[in-house]
N, C-alpha and C. Protein backbone atom coordinates (compact mmCIF):
# COMPACT_ATOMS: atom_id res chain seq x y z
N MET A 1 0.84 -1.17 0.00
CA MET A 1 0.00 0.00 0.00
C MET A 1 0.88 1.23 0.00
N ALA A 2 0.71 2.09 -0.95
CA ALA A 2 1.52 3.29 -1.09
C ALA A 2 0.99 4.37 -0.15
N LEU A 3 1.89 5.11 0.47
CA LEU A 3 1.50 6.20 1.35
C LEU A 3 1.24 7.44 0.52
N LYS A 4 0.28 8.20 0.95
CA LYS A 4 0.02 9.47 0.28
C LYS A 4 1.15 10.43 0.64
N GLN A 5 1.60 11.19 -0.32
CA GLN A 5 2.67 12.14 -0.08
C GLN A 5 2.16 13.32 0.75
N GLU A 6 0.95 13.72 0.50
CA GLU A 6 0.41 14.88 1.19
C GLU A 6 -0.95 14.53 1.78
N GLN A 7 -1.16 14.99 3.00
CA GLN A 7 -2.47 14.82 3.61
C GLN A 7 -3.08 16.20 3.77
N SER A 8 -4.38 16.21 3.73
CA SER A 8 -5.05 17.50 3.90
C SER A 8 -4.91 17.94 5.36
N LEU A 9 -5.11 19.23 5.57
CA LEU A 9 -5.05 19.78 6.92
C LEU A 9 -6.10 19.12 7.81
N GLY A 10 -7.26 18.86 7.26
CA GLY A 10 -8.32 18.18 8.02
C GLY A 10 -7.91 16.78 8.45
N ASP A 11 -7.25 16.05 7.52
CA ASP A 11 -6.78 14.70 7.85
C ASP A 11 -5.73 14.75 8.95
N LEU A 12 -4.83 15.72 8.87
CA LEU A 12 -3.79 15.85 9.90
C LEU A 12 -4.40 16.14 11.26
N PHE A 13 -5.37 17.05 11.31
CA PHE A 13 -6.02 17.35 12.59
C PHE A 13 -6.82 16.16 13.10
N SER A 14 -7.43 15.41 12.19
CA SER A 14 -8.17 14.21 12.56
C SER A 14 -7.24 13.17 13.17
N ASP A 15 -6.07 12.97 12.52
CA ASP A 15 -5.08 12.03 13.05
C ASP A 15 -4.56 12.49 14.41
N LEU A 16 -4.30 13.79 14.53
CA LEU A 16 -3.82 14.33 15.80
C LEU A 16 -4.87 14.16 16.88
N SER A 17 -6.11 14.41 16.56
CA SER A 17 -7.20 14.27 17.52
C SER A 17 -7.35 12.82 17.96
N SER A 18 -7.30 11.92 17.00
CA SER A 18 -7.41 10.49 17.32
C SER A 18 -6.24 10.03 18.18
N GLY A 19 -5.03 10.46 17.81
CA GLY A 19 -3.84 10.09 18.57
C GLY A 19 -3.88 10.66 19.98
N THR A 20 -4.35 11.90 20.10
CA THR A 20 -4.45 12.53 21.41
C THR A 20 -5.47 11.82 22.28
N SER A 21 -6.58 11.44 21.69
CA SER A 21 -7.62 10.71 22.42
C SER A 21 -7.09 9.38 22.93
N THR A 22 -6.38 8.66 22.09
CA THR A 22 -5.79 7.38 22.50
C THR A 22 -4.77 7.61 23.60
N LEU A 23 -3.97 8.64 23.45
CA LEU A 23 -2.94 8.96 24.44
C LEU A 23 -3.58 9.28 25.80
N VAL A 24 -4.63 10.06 25.80
CA VAL A 24 -5.31 10.42 27.05
C VAL A 24 -5.88 9.18 27.72
N ARG A 25 -6.48 8.28 26.93
CA ARG A 25 -7.02 7.04 27.50
C ARG A 25 -5.91 6.20 28.13
N GLN A 26 -4.78 6.11 27.44
CA GLN A 26 -3.66 5.33 27.97
C GLN A 26 -3.10 5.97 29.23
N GLU A 27 -3.04 7.29 29.26
CA GLU A 27 -2.54 7.98 30.45
C GLU A 27 -3.49 7.75 31.63
N MET A 28 -4.78 7.74 31.37
CA MET A 28 -5.75 7.48 32.44
C MET A 28 -5.60 6.06 32.98
N GLN A 29 -5.35 5.10 32.09
CA GLN A 29 -5.12 3.72 32.53
C GLN A 29 -3.85 3.63 33.37
N LEU A 30 -2.80 4.33 32.96
CA LEU A 30 -1.56 4.34 33.72
C LEU A 30 -1.78 4.98 35.09
N ALA A 31 -2.48 6.09 35.13
CA ALA A 31 -2.76 6.76 36.40
C ALA A 31 -3.55 5.85 37.33
N LYS A 32 -4.55 5.17 36.78
CA LYS A 32 -5.37 4.26 37.59
C LYS A 32 -4.51 3.13 38.16
N ALA A 33 -3.65 2.55 37.33
CA ALA A 33 -2.79 1.46 37.80
C ALA A 33 -1.82 1.96 38.87
N GLU A 34 -1.29 3.15 38.68
CA GLU A 34 -0.33 3.68 39.64
C GLU A 34 -1.00 4.02 40.97
N VAL A 35 -2.19 4.59 40.91
CA VAL A 35 -2.93 4.90 42.14
C VAL A 35 -3.29 3.62 42.88
N MET A 36 -3.67 2.58 42.15
CA MET A 36 -3.98 1.31 42.79
C MET A 36 -2.75 0.73 43.48
N GLN A 37 -1.58 0.86 42.84
CA GLN A 37 -0.35 0.37 43.44
C GLN A 37 -0.04 1.14 44.73
N LYS A 38 -0.21 2.45 44.70
CA LYS A 38 0.04 3.28 45.89
C LYS A 38 -0.95 2.93 47.00
N ALA A 39 -2.20 2.68 46.64
CA ALA A 39 -3.20 2.31 47.64
C ALA A 39 -2.86 0.97 48.28
N SER A 40 -2.37 0.05 47.47
CA SER A 40 -1.97 -1.26 47.99
C SER A 40 -0.82 -1.11 48.97
N GLU A 41 0.13 -0.25 48.64
CA GLU A 41 1.27 0.00 49.53
C GLU A 41 0.80 0.64 50.83
N ALA A 42 -0.12 1.59 50.74
CA ALA A 42 -0.66 2.23 51.94
C ALA A 42 -1.39 1.20 52.80
N GLY A 43 -2.11 0.29 52.16
CA GLY A 43 -2.81 -0.76 52.90
C GLY A 43 -1.86 -1.64 53.68
N LYS A 44 -0.69 -1.90 53.10
CA LYS A 44 0.31 -2.71 53.80
C LYS A 44 0.77 -1.99 55.06
N HIS A 45 1.02 -0.67 54.96
CA HIS A 45 1.45 0.09 56.13
C HIS A 45 0.35 0.12 57.20
N VAL A 46 -0.89 0.25 56.77
CA VAL A 46 -2.01 0.22 57.72
C VAL A 46 -2.07 -1.14 58.40
N GLY A 47 -1.78 -2.19 57.65
CA GLY A 47 -1.73 -3.54 58.24
C GLY A 47 -0.68 -3.64 59.32
N PHE A 48 0.48 -3.02 59.11
CA PHE A 48 1.52 -3.02 60.13
C PHE A 48 1.06 -2.27 61.39
N ILE A 49 0.36 -1.18 61.18
CA ILE A 49 -0.16 -0.42 62.32
C ILE A 49 -1.15 -1.29 63.11
N ALA A 50 -2.04 -1.96 62.39
CA ALA A 50 -3.03 -2.83 63.06
C ALA A 50 -2.35 -4.01 63.75
N ALA A 51 -1.37 -4.61 63.09
CA ALA A 51 -0.66 -5.74 63.69
C ALA A 51 0.09 -5.28 64.94
N GLY A 52 0.69 -4.12 64.88
CA GLY A 52 1.37 -3.58 66.06
C GLY A 52 0.42 -3.36 67.21
N GLY A 53 -0.74 -2.84 66.89
CA GLY A 53 -1.75 -2.63 67.93
C GLY A 53 -2.25 -3.93 68.53
N ALA A 54 -2.48 -4.93 67.67
CA ALA A 54 -2.96 -6.23 68.16
C ALA A 54 -1.91 -6.92 69.01
N LEU A 55 -0.66 -6.87 68.57
CA LEU A 55 0.42 -7.47 69.35
C LEU A 55 0.59 -6.76 70.69
N ALA A 56 0.48 -5.46 70.68
CA ALA A 56 0.59 -4.71 71.93
C ALA A 56 -0.53 -5.11 72.90
N TYR A 57 -1.71 -5.26 72.36
CA TYR A 57 -2.85 -5.65 73.20
C TYR A 57 -2.69 -7.06 73.76
N ALA A 58 -2.30 -8.00 72.90
CA ALA A 58 -2.10 -9.38 73.37
C ALA A 58 -0.96 -9.43 74.39
N GLY A 59 0.09 -8.72 74.11
CA GLY A 59 1.20 -8.68 75.06
C GLY A 59 0.80 -8.05 76.37
N LEU A 60 0.01 -7.04 76.27
CA LEU A 60 -0.47 -6.37 77.48
C LEU A 60 -1.24 -7.34 78.36
N LEU A 61 -2.12 -8.09 77.75
CA LEU A 61 -2.93 -9.03 78.54
C LEU A 61 -2.08 -10.13 79.17
N ALA A 62 -1.21 -10.75 78.37
CA ALA A 62 -0.40 -11.85 78.88
C ALA A 62 0.60 -11.38 79.92
N LEU A 63 1.28 -10.31 79.62
CA LEU A 63 2.30 -9.83 80.56
C LEU A 63 1.70 -9.23 81.83
N LEU A 64 0.58 -8.60 81.68
CA LEU A 64 -0.07 -8.07 82.89
C LEU A 64 -0.40 -9.20 83.85
N ALA A 65 -0.89 -10.28 83.31
CA ALA A 65 -1.25 -11.40 84.17
C ALA A 65 -0.01 -12.06 84.79
N ALA A 66 0.97 -12.43 83.95
CA ALA A 66 2.14 -13.16 84.44
C ALA A 66 3.08 -12.29 85.28
N LEU A 67 3.44 -11.14 84.77
CA LEU A 67 4.39 -10.30 85.48
C LEU A 67 3.80 -9.65 86.72
N THR A 68 2.54 -9.33 86.65
CA THR A 68 1.92 -8.74 87.83
C THR A 68 1.95 -9.74 88.98
N LEU A 69 1.65 -10.99 88.69
CA LEU A 69 1.69 -12.02 89.73
C LEU A 69 3.12 -12.21 90.26
N GLY A 70 4.08 -12.18 89.37
CA GLY A 70 5.47 -12.33 89.80
C GLY A 70 5.95 -11.15 90.63
N LEU A 71 5.68 -9.94 90.15
CA LEU A 71 6.11 -8.75 90.88
C LEU A 71 5.34 -8.53 92.17
N ALA A 72 4.14 -9.05 92.23
CA ALA A 72 3.32 -8.89 93.44
C ALA A 72 3.95 -9.59 94.64
N GLU A 73 4.91 -10.46 94.38
CA GLU A 73 5.63 -11.11 95.47
C GLU A 73 6.57 -10.12 96.17
N PHE A 74 6.98 -9.06 95.46
CA PHE A 74 7.97 -8.12 95.99
C PHE A 74 7.41 -6.73 96.27
N MET A 75 6.22 -6.44 95.77
CA MET A 75 5.62 -5.11 95.93
C MET A 75 4.11 -5.26 95.92
N PRO A 76 3.41 -4.19 96.23
CA PRO A 76 1.94 -4.28 96.18
C PRO A 76 1.47 -4.61 94.76
N GLY A 77 0.39 -5.35 94.66
CA GLY A 77 -0.15 -5.78 93.37
C GLY A 77 -0.46 -4.64 92.42
N TRP A 78 -1.02 -3.56 92.93
CA TRP A 78 -1.35 -2.42 92.07
C TRP A 78 -0.11 -1.80 91.44
N LEU A 79 1.00 -1.73 92.18
CA LEU A 79 2.23 -1.16 91.65
C LEU A 79 2.84 -2.08 90.58
N ALA A 80 2.77 -3.38 90.81
CA ALA A 80 3.27 -4.35 89.83
C ALA A 80 2.48 -4.23 88.53
N ALA A 81 1.17 -4.13 88.63
CA ALA A 81 0.33 -4.00 87.43
C ALA A 81 0.62 -2.70 86.69
N LEU A 82 0.85 -1.64 87.41
CA LEU A 82 1.16 -0.35 86.80
C LEU A 82 2.48 -0.40 86.02
N LEU A 83 3.50 -0.94 86.62
CA LEU A 83 4.80 -1.03 85.94
C LEU A 83 4.73 -1.88 84.68
N VAL A 84 4.13 -3.04 84.78
CA VAL A 84 4.02 -3.93 83.62
C VAL A 84 3.19 -3.28 82.52
N GLY A 85 2.10 -2.66 82.87
CA GLY A 85 1.24 -2.01 81.89
C GLY A 85 1.96 -0.89 81.15
N LEU A 86 2.74 -0.09 81.85
CA LEU A 86 3.47 0.99 81.21
C LEU A 86 4.50 0.48 80.21
N VAL A 87 5.22 -0.56 80.57
CA VAL A 87 6.25 -1.11 79.68
C VAL A 87 5.61 -1.68 78.40
N VAL A 88 4.59 -2.49 78.55
CA VAL A 88 3.96 -3.13 77.39
C VAL A 88 3.27 -2.09 76.50
N ALA A 89 2.60 -1.15 77.09
CA ALA A 89 1.96 -0.10 76.30
C ALA A 89 3.00 0.73 75.55
N GLY A 90 4.14 0.97 76.16
CA GLY A 90 5.21 1.71 75.49
C GLY A 90 5.73 0.98 74.27
N ILE A 91 5.94 -0.33 74.38
CA ILE A 91 6.40 -1.12 73.24
C ILE A 91 5.36 -1.11 72.12
N GLY A 92 4.11 -1.29 72.46
CA GLY A 92 3.04 -1.25 71.46
C GLY A 92 2.96 0.11 70.79
N GLY A 93 3.15 1.17 71.55
CA GLY A 93 3.14 2.51 70.98
C GLY A 93 4.27 2.71 69.98
N LEU A 94 5.44 2.16 70.29
CA LEU A 94 6.58 2.28 69.37
C LEU A 94 6.31 1.55 68.05
N VAL A 95 5.70 0.37 68.13
CA VAL A 95 5.39 -0.39 66.91
C VAL A 95 4.38 0.37 66.06
N ALA A 96 3.33 0.87 66.69
CA ALA A 96 2.31 1.62 65.96
C ALA A 96 2.89 2.92 65.38
N TYR A 97 3.74 3.59 66.13
CA TYR A 97 4.38 4.82 65.65
C TYR A 97 5.25 4.54 64.43
N SER A 98 5.95 3.42 64.45
CA SER A 98 6.79 3.05 63.31
C SER A 98 5.95 2.89 62.04
N GLY A 99 4.83 2.20 62.14
CA GLY A 99 3.95 2.02 60.98
C GLY A 99 3.36 3.34 60.52
N LEU A 100 2.95 4.17 61.45
CA LEU A 100 2.37 5.47 61.12
C LEU A 100 3.41 6.36 60.44
N ASN A 101 4.63 6.33 60.95
CA ASN A 101 5.71 7.13 60.36
C ASN A 101 5.99 6.68 58.92
N SER A 102 6.01 5.38 58.68
CA SER A 102 6.22 4.86 57.33
C SER A 102 5.10 5.31 56.40
N LEU A 103 3.89 5.29 56.89
CA LEU A 103 2.74 5.70 56.09
C LEU A 103 2.81 7.19 55.75
N GLN A 104 3.23 8.01 56.69
CA GLN A 104 3.32 9.45 56.44
C GLN A 104 4.43 9.78 55.47
N GLN A 105 5.49 9.00 55.42
CA GLN A 105 6.61 9.27 54.53
C GLN A 105 6.36 8.76 53.11
N MET A 106 5.34 7.97 52.94
CA MET A 106 5.04 7.41 51.62
C MET A 106 4.59 8.51 50.67
N ASP A 107 5.16 8.53 49.48
CA ASP A 107 4.79 9.50 48.45
C ASP A 107 3.66 8.90 47.62
N ALA A 108 2.47 9.48 47.74
CA ALA A 108 1.29 8.91 47.07
C ALA A 108 1.06 9.48 45.67
N LYS A 109 1.92 10.40 45.21
CA LYS A 109 1.74 10.98 43.88
C LYS A 109 2.06 9.94 42.81
N PRO A 110 1.28 9.90 41.75
CA PRO A 110 1.58 8.99 40.63
C PRO A 110 2.73 9.54 39.78
N GLU A 111 3.97 9.34 40.21
CA GLU A 111 5.15 9.96 39.59
C GLU A 111 5.30 9.60 38.11
N ARG A 112 5.11 8.32 37.77
CA ARG A 112 5.28 7.92 36.36
C ARG A 112 4.25 8.60 35.48
N THR A 113 3.04 8.71 35.97
CA THR A 113 1.98 9.36 35.18
C THR A 113 2.29 10.84 34.98
N ILE A 114 2.76 11.50 36.02
CA ILE A 114 3.11 12.92 35.91
C ILE A 114 4.22 13.11 34.88
N LYS A 115 5.25 12.27 34.95
CA LYS A 115 6.36 12.36 34.00
C LYS A 115 5.87 12.10 32.58
N SER A 116 5.04 11.09 32.43
CA SER A 116 4.52 10.74 31.12
C SER A 116 3.65 11.86 30.55
N LEU A 117 2.85 12.49 31.38
CA LEU A 117 2.02 13.61 30.92
C LEU A 117 2.88 14.80 30.49
N GLN A 118 3.96 15.03 31.20
CA GLN A 118 4.87 16.11 30.80
C GLN A 118 5.50 15.81 29.45
N GLU A 119 5.89 14.55 29.24
CA GLU A 119 6.45 14.15 27.95
C GLU A 119 5.41 14.29 26.84
N ASP A 120 4.17 13.91 27.13
CA ASP A 120 3.10 14.04 26.15
C ASP A 120 2.85 15.50 25.79
N LYS A 121 2.92 16.37 26.79
CA LYS A 121 2.72 17.79 26.55
C LYS A 121 3.80 18.32 25.60
N GLN A 122 5.04 17.92 25.86
CA GLN A 122 6.13 18.35 24.98
C GLN A 122 5.94 17.81 23.57
N TRP A 123 5.52 16.57 23.46
CA TRP A 123 5.29 15.96 22.15
C TRP A 123 4.20 16.72 21.39
N LEU A 124 3.08 17.01 22.08
CA LEU A 124 2.00 17.74 21.43
C LEU A 124 2.44 19.13 20.98
N GLN A 125 3.24 19.78 21.83
CA GLN A 125 3.72 21.11 21.47
C GLN A 125 4.59 21.03 20.20
N GLN A 126 5.42 20.00 20.09
CA GLN A 126 6.26 19.81 18.91
C GLN A 126 5.40 19.53 17.68
N GLN A 127 4.34 18.75 17.85
CA GLN A 127 3.47 18.42 16.73
C GLN A 127 2.72 19.64 16.20
N LEU A 128 2.40 20.55 17.10
CA LEU A 128 1.63 21.72 16.71
C LEU A 128 2.50 22.83 16.12
N GLN A 129 3.83 22.69 16.19
CA GLN A 129 4.72 23.71 15.64
C GLN A 129 4.93 23.51 14.16
């Protein structure tokens, strides 16, 4: 099939419009995939926060029972329970803080999509010159 040497201005604009439409659809698909990936990563960090909280709670219950009974041999029961509770709650707080800190440092911007859109903008500008 031989290519036409010259296309009409209308044909060129039609091709540009069609190409731009396809490009926008592809960019939207890329943005959607990238946002889904970022959401999945955020979900993982939230899972760490929840796991830290659950471990802190389970540890609190077990250690409060065992250590309070052990320390109650040397001090009043209320003081033993207070000391054990403070230590376990502190550890749980550190685990939850670590997960929260990781979540706050996560960059949720769709970087590849932004870069690709900038490249597309430059390409369109070149095509229109």
